[in-house]
Amino acid sequence: MENLTKKQAIVQSLESMNHIEMEKVIDYIKGLLYVPENDATHQELKQKALMEIKEALRKSPELA
């Protein structure tokens, strides 16, 4: 099955759903995509990057 046909089948399926069914599908997809561990990792990386920027600014006399 080519991509266009797959997309059309998905759109037709979504169009045939009522509001509650659509919400369930959206919640299901969000559940597949969301990984709580990624939030913590992202925050750690962000915090580390900010600390490195602060340290670089302290060491650089022309920026002080």
PDB file of N, CA and C in Angstrom:
ATOM      1  N   MET A   1       0.858  -1.185   0.000  1.00  0.00           N
ATOM      2  CA  MET A   1       0.000   0.000   0.000  1.00  0.00           C
ATOM      3  C   MET A   1       0.891   1.231   0.000  1.00  0.00           C
ATOM      4  N   GLU A   2       0.647   2.137  -0.912  1.00  0.00           N
ATOM      5  CA  GLU A   2       1.480   3.324  -0.973  1.00  0.00           C
ATOM      6  C   GLU A   2       1.069   4.329   0.094  1.00  0.00           C
ATOM      7  N   ASN A   3       1.956   5.293   0.359  1.00  0.00           N
ATOM      8  CA  ASN A   3       1.753   6.251   1.448  1.00  0.00           C
ATOM      9  C   ASN A   3       0.468   7.049   1.314  1.00  0.00           C
ATOM     10  N   LEU A   4       0.144   7.496   0.109  1.00  0.00           N
ATOM     11  CA  LEU A   4      -1.059   8.304  -0.087  1.00  0.00           C
ATOM     12  C   LEU A   4      -2.303   7.499   0.289  1.00  0.00           C
ATOM     13  N   THR A   5      -2.331   6.252  -0.096  1.00  0.00           N
ATOM     14  CA  THR A   5      -3.474   5.396   0.228  1.00  0.00           C
ATOM     15  C   THR A   5      -3.583   5.185   1.732  1.00  0.00           C
ATOM     16  N   LYS A   6      -2.439   4.999   2.401  1.00  0.00           N
ATOM     17  CA  LYS A   6      -2.432   4.837   3.857  1.00  0.00           C
ATOM     18  C   LYS A   6      -2.962   6.107   4.531  1.00  0.00           C
ATOM     19  N   LYS A   7      -2.498   7.244   4.056  1.00  0.00           N
ATOM     20  CA  LYS A   7      -2.946   8.520   4.635  1.00  0.00           C
ATOM     21  C   LYS A   7      -4.449   8.710   4.432  1.00  0.00           C
ATOM     22  N   GLN A   8      -4.932   8.377   3.258  1.00  0.00           N
ATOM     23  CA  GLN A   8      -6.364   8.507   2.987  1.00  0.00           C
ATOM     24  C   GLN A   8      -7.174   7.592   3.897  1.00  0.00           C
ATOM     25  N   ALA A   9      -6.678   6.376   4.127  1.00  0.00           N
ATOM     26  CA  ALA A   9      -7.377   5.435   5.003  1.00  0.00           C
ATOM     27  C   ALA A   9      -7.426   5.964   6.431  1.00  0.00           C
ATOM     28  N   ILE A  10      -6.334   6.569   6.882  1.00  0.00           N
ATOM     29  CA  ILE A  10      -6.298   7.138   8.234  1.00  0.00           C
ATOM     30  C   ILE A  10      -7.273   8.295   8.344  1.00  0.00           C
ATOM     31  N   VAL A  11      -7.270   9.173   7.369  1.00  0.00           N
ATOM     32  CA  VAL A  11      -8.175  10.332   7.384  1.00  0.00           C
ATOM     33  C   VAL A  11      -9.626   9.865   7.393  1.00  0.00           C
ATOM     34  N   GLN A  12      -9.964   8.881   6.570  1.00  0.00           N
ATOM     35  CA  GLN A  12     -11.333   8.367   6.528  1.00  0.00           C
ATOM     36  C   GLN A  12     -11.722   7.759   7.868  1.00  0.00           C
ATOM     37  N   SER A  13     -10.797   7.047   8.496  1.00  0.00           N
ATOM     38  CA  SER A  13     -11.079   6.465   9.810  1.00  0.00           C
ATOM     39  C   SER A  13     -11.353   7.548  10.837  1.00  0.00           C
ATOM     40  N   LEU A  14     -10.521   8.589  10.814  1.00  0.00           N
ATOM     41  CA  LEU A  14     -10.707   9.687  11.770  1.00  0.00           C
ATOM     42  C   LEU A  14     -12.018  10.421  11.526  1.00  0.00           C
ATOM     43  N   GLU A  15     -12.370  10.608  10.260  1.00  0.00           N
ATOM     44  CA  GLU A  15     -13.610  11.309   9.940  1.00  0.00           C
ATOM     45  C   GLU A  15     -14.839  10.527  10.381  1.00  0.00           C
ATOM     46  N   SER A  16     -14.721   9.216  10.455  1.00  0.00           N
ATOM     47  CA  SER A  16     -15.875   8.408  10.838  1.00  0.00           C
ATOM     48  C   SER A  16     -16.047   8.314  12.353  1.00  0.00           C
ATOM     49  N   MET A  17     -15.079   8.846  13.121  1.00  0.00           N
ATOM     50  CA  MET A  17     -15.143   8.775  14.581  1.00  0.00           C
ATOM     51  C   MET A  17     -15.934   9.934  15.160  1.00  0.00           C
ATOM     52  N   ASN A  18     -16.498   9.693  16.340  1.00  0.00           N
ATOM     53  CA  ASN A  18     -17.123  10.795  17.067  1.00  0.00           C
ATOM     54  C   ASN A  18     -16.056  11.463  17.941  1.00  0.00           C
ATOM     55  N   HIS A  19     -16.444  12.521  18.612  1.00  0.00           N
ATOM     56  CA  HIS A  19     -15.496  13.318  19.399  1.00  0.00           C
ATOM     57  C   HIS A  19     -14.797  12.476  20.471  1.00  0.00           C
ATOM     58  N   ILE A  20     -15.516  11.654  21.169  1.00  0.00           N
ATOM     59  CA  ILE A  20     -14.947  10.851  22.257  1.00  0.00           C
ATOM     60  C   ILE A  20     -13.929   9.854  21.715  1.00  0.00           C
ATOM     61  N   GLU A  21     -14.252   9.223  20.597  1.00  0.00           N
ATOM     62  CA  GLU A  21     -13.318   8.276  19.989  1.00  0.00           C
ATOM     63  C   GLU A  21     -12.035   8.978  19.539  1.00  0.00           C
ATOM     64  N   MET A  22     -12.190  10.162  18.969  1.00  0.00           N
ATOM     65  CA  MET A  22     -11.014  10.931  18.542  1.00  0.00           C
ATOM     66  C   MET A  22     -10.127  11.276  19.735  1.00  0.00           C
ATOM     67  N   GLU A  23     -10.730  11.687  20.839  1.00  0.00           N
ATOM     68  CA  GLU A  23      -9.967  12.016  22.037  1.00  0.00           C
ATOM     69  C   GLU A  23      -9.200  10.802  22.542  1.00  0.00           C
ATOM     70  N   LYS A  24      -9.825   9.645  22.489  1.00  0.00           N
ATOM     71  CA  LYS A  24      -9.155   8.414  22.922  1.00  0.00           C
ATOM     72  C   LYS A  24      -7.951   8.115  22.039  1.00  0.00           C
ATOM     73  N   VAL A  25      -8.099   8.315  20.742  1.00  0.00           N
ATOM     74  CA  VAL A  25      -6.989   8.078  19.810  1.00  0.00           C
ATOM     75  C   VAL A  25      -5.855   9.057  20.091  1.00  0.00           C
ATOM     76  N   ILE A  26      -6.194  10.319  20.292  1.00  0.00           N
ATOM     77  CA  ILE A  26      -5.174  11.340  20.571  1.00  0.00           C
ATOM     78  C   ILE A  26      -4.449  11.018  21.875  1.00  0.00           C
ATOM     79  N   ASP A  27      -5.192  10.645  22.913  1.00  0.00           N
ATOM     80  CA  ASP A  27      -4.573  10.274  24.189  1.00  0.00           C
ATOM     81  C   ASP A  27      -3.658   9.063  24.024  1.00  0.00           C
ATOM     82  N   TYR A  28      -4.086   8.108  23.230  1.00  0.00           N
ATOM     83  CA  TYR A  28      -3.270   6.919  22.982  1.00  0.00           C
ATOM     84  C   TYR A  28      -1.959   7.302  22.292  1.00  0.00           C
ATOM     85  N   ILE A  29      -2.040   8.142  21.284  1.00  0.00           N
ATOM     86  CA  ILE A  29      -0.843   8.560  20.552  1.00  0.00           C
ATOM     87  C   ILE A  29       0.084   9.353  21.464  1.00  0.00           C
ATOM     88  N   LYS A  30      -0.485  10.245  22.264  1.00  0.00           N
ATOM     89  CA  LYS A  30       0.334  11.009  23.205  1.00  0.00           C
ATOM     90  C   LYS A  30       1.044  10.075  24.175  1.00  0.00           C
ATOM     91  N   GLY A  31       0.342   9.037  24.619  1.00  0.00           N
ATOM     92  CA  GLY A  31       0.941   8.057  25.521  1.00  0.00           C
ATOM     93  C   GLY A  31       2.108   7.328  24.883  1.00  0.00           C
ATOM     94  N   LEU A  32       2.009   7.069  23.594  1.00  0.00           N
ATOM     95  CA  LEU A  32       3.105   6.410  22.888  1.00  0.00           C
ATOM     96  C   LEU A  32       4.313   7.325  22.735  1.00  0.00           C
ATOM     97  N   LEU A  33       4.056   8.601  22.541  1.00  0.00           N
ATOM     98  CA  LEU A  33       5.126   9.548  22.274  1.00  0.00           C
ATOM     99  C   LEU A  33       5.785  10.093  23.534  1.00  0.00           C
ATOM    100  N   TYR A  34       5.048  10.177  24.625  1.00  0.00           N
ATOM    101  CA  TYR A  34       5.555  10.803  25.839  1.00  0.00           C
ATOM    102  C   TYR A  34       6.351   9.798  26.669  1.00  0.00           C
ATOM    103  N   VAL A  35       7.579  10.180  26.987  1.00  0.00           N
ATOM    104  CA  VAL A  35       8.432   9.362  27.848  1.00  0.00           C
ATOM    105  C   VAL A  35       8.901  10.262  28.995  1.00  0.00           C
ATOM    106  N   PRO A  36       8.386  10.038  30.206  1.00  0.00           N
ATOM    107  CA  PRO A  36       8.718  10.923  31.334  1.00  0.00           C
ATOM    108  C   PRO A  36      10.223  11.057  31.578  1.00  0.00           C
ATOM    109  N   GLU A  37      10.981   9.996  31.308  1.00  0.00           N
ATOM    110  CA  GLU A  37      12.425  10.052  31.522  1.00  0.00           C
ATOM    111  C   GLU A  37      13.069  11.136  30.659  1.00  0.00           C
ATOM    112  N   ASN A  38      12.503  11.380  29.497  1.00  0.00           N
ATOM    113  CA  ASN A  38      13.060  12.403  28.608  1.00  0.00           C
ATOM    114  C   ASN A  38      12.959  13.792  29.221  1.00  0.00           C
ATOM    115  N   ASP A  39      11.902  14.052  29.975  1.00  0.00           N
ATOM    116  CA  ASP A  39      11.762  15.356  30.623  1.00  0.00           C
ATOM    117  C   ASP A  39      12.908  15.595  31.601  1.00  0.00           C
ATOM    118  N   ALA A  40      13.195  14.596  32.419  1.00  0.00           N
ATOM    119  CA  ALA A  40      14.265  14.727  33.406  1.00  0.00           C
ATOM    120  C   ALA A  40      15.614  14.889  32.712  1.00  0.00           C
ATOM    121  N   THR A  41      15.855  14.112  31.681  1.00  0.00           N
ATOM    122  CA  THR A  41      17.114  14.202  30.952  1.00  0.00           C
ATOM    123  C   THR A  41      17.263  15.576  30.304  1.00  0.00           C
ATOM    124  N   HIS A  42      16.188  16.068  29.720  1.00  0.00           N
ATOM    125  CA  HIS A  42      16.219  17.389  29.086  1.00  0.00           C
ATOM    126  C   HIS A  42      16.536  18.468  30.118  1.00  0.00           C
ATOM    127  N   GLN A  43      15.911  18.394  31.268  1.00  0.00           N
ATOM    128  CA  GLN A  43      16.152  19.401  32.317  1.00  0.00           C
ATOM    129  C   GLN A  43      17.589  19.336  32.801  1.00  0.00           C
ATOM    130  N   GLU A  44      18.124  18.117  32.955  1.00  0.00           N
ATOM    131  CA  GLU A  44      19.511  17.970  33.392  1.00  0.00           C
ATOM    132  C   GLU A  44      20.466  18.580  32.374  1.00  0.00           C
ATOM    133  N   LEU A  45      20.243  18.291  31.092  1.00  0.00           N
ATOM    134  CA  LEU A  45      21.097  18.849  30.047  1.00  0.00           C
ATOM    135  C   LEU A  45      21.013  20.371  30.005  1.00  0.00           C
ATOM    136  N   LYS A  46      19.807  20.896  30.159  1.00  0.00           N
ATOM    137  CA  LYS A  46      19.606  22.338  30.147  1.00  0.00           C
ATOM    138  C   LYS A  46      20.341  22.988  31.323  1.00  0.00           C
ATOM    139  N   GLN A  47      20.213  22.381  32.488  1.00  0.00           N
ATOM    140  CA  GLN A  47      20.866  22.910  33.681  1.00  0.00           C
ATOM    141  C   GLN A  47      22.389  22.865  33.534  1.00  0.00           C
ATOM    142  N   LYS A  48      22.894  21.756  32.998  1.00  0.00           N
ATOM    143  CA  LYS A  48      24.339  21.630  32.793  1.00  0.00           C
ATOM    144  C   LYS A  48      24.834  22.673  31.792  1.00  0.00           C
ATOM    145  N   ALA A  49      24.082  22.880  30.720  1.00  0.00           N
ATOM    146  CA  ALA A  49      24.467  23.870  29.711  1.00  0.00           C
ATOM    147  C   ALA A  49      24.508  25.266  30.311  1.00  0.00           C
ATOM    148  N   LEU A  50      23.535  25.606  31.127  1.00  0.00           N
ATOM    149  CA  LEU A  50      23.516  26.930  31.758  1.00  0.00           C
ATOM    150  C   LEU A  50      24.695  27.113  32.702  1.00  0.00           C
ATOM    151  N   MET A  51      25.041  26.057  33.432  1.00  0.00           N
ATOM    152  CA  MET A  51      26.197  26.133  34.325  1.00  0.00           C
ATOM    153  C   MET A  51      27.488  26.331  33.524  1.00  0.00           C
ATOM    154  N   GLU A  52      27.617  25.630  32.398  1.00  0.00           N
ATOM    155  CA  GLU A  52      28.807  25.781  31.555  1.00  0.00           C
ATOM    156  C   GLU A  52      28.882  27.188  30.968  1.00  0.00           C
ATOM    157  N   ILE A  53      27.760  27.757  30.601  1.00  0.00           N
ATOM    158  CA  ILE A  53      27.733  29.125  30.082  1.00  0.00           C
ATOM    159  C   ILE A  53      28.162  30.109  31.168  1.00  0.00           C
ATOM    160  N   LYS A  54      27.653  29.943  32.375  1.00  0.00           N
ATOM    161  CA  LYS A  54      28.041  30.817  33.484  1.00  0.00           C
ATOM    162  C   LYS A  54      29.540  30.731  33.740  1.00  0.00           C
ATOM    163  N   GLU A  55      30.054  29.496  33.750  1.00  0.00           N
ATOM    164  CA  GLU A  55      31.478  29.287  33.996  1.00  0.00           C
ATOM    165  C   GLU A  55      32.320  29.941  32.901  1.00  0.00           C
ATOM    166  N   ALA A  56      31.893  29.799  31.656  1.00  0.00           N
ATOM    167  CA  ALA A  56      32.627  30.403  30.538  1.00  0.00           C
ATOM    168  C   ALA A  56      32.606  31.923  30.640  1.00  0.00           C
ATOM    169  N   LEU A  57      31.480  32.472  31.053  1.00  0.00           N
ATOM    170  CA  LEU A  57      31.388  33.933  31.202  1.00  0.00           C
ATOM    171  C   LEU A  57      32.290  34.433  32.319  1.00  0.00           C
ATOM    172  N   ARG A  58      32.405  33.673  33.388  1.00  0.00           N
ATOM    173  CA  ARG A  58      33.291  34.080  34.488  1.00  0.00           C
ATOM    174  C   ARG A  58      34.753  34.038  34.065  1.00  0.00           C
ATOM    175  N   LYS A  59      35.115  33.070  33.234  1.00  0.00           N
ATOM    176  CA  LYS A  59      36.516  32.898  32.823  1.00  0.00           C
ATOM    177  C   LYS A  59      36.922  33.870  31.713  1.00  0.00           C
ATOM    178  N   SER A  60      35.984  34.433  31.022  1.00  0.00           N
ATOM    179  CA  SER A  60      36.276  35.278  29.880  1.00  0.00           C
ATOM    180  C   SER A  60      36.289  36.742  30.296  1.00  0.00           C
ATOM    181  N   PRO A  61      37.476  37.360  30.441  1.00  0.00           N
ATOM    182  CA  PRO A  61      37.555  38.746  30.921  1.00  0.00           C
ATOM    183  C   PRO A  61      36.918  39.762  29.967  1.00  0.00           C
ATOM    184  N   GLU A  62      36.965  39.522  28.662  1.00  0.00           N
ATOM    185  CA  GLU A  62      36.391  40.503  27.730  1.00  0.00           C
ATOM    186  C   GLU A  62      34.876  40.529  27.816  1.00  0.00           C
ATOM    187  N   LEU A  63      34.263  39.478  28.360  1.00  0.00           N
ATOM    188  CA  LEU A  63      32.804  39.448  28.490  1.00  0.00           C
ATOM    189  C   LEU A  63      32.349  39.926  29.860  1.00  0.00           C
ATOM    190  N   ALA A  64      33.260  40.069  30.768  1.00  0.00           N
ATOM    191  CA  ALA A  64      32.895  40.454  32.130  1.00  0.00           C
ATOM    192  C   ALA A  64      32.686  41.934  32.253  1.00  0.00           C
TER     193      ALA A  64
END
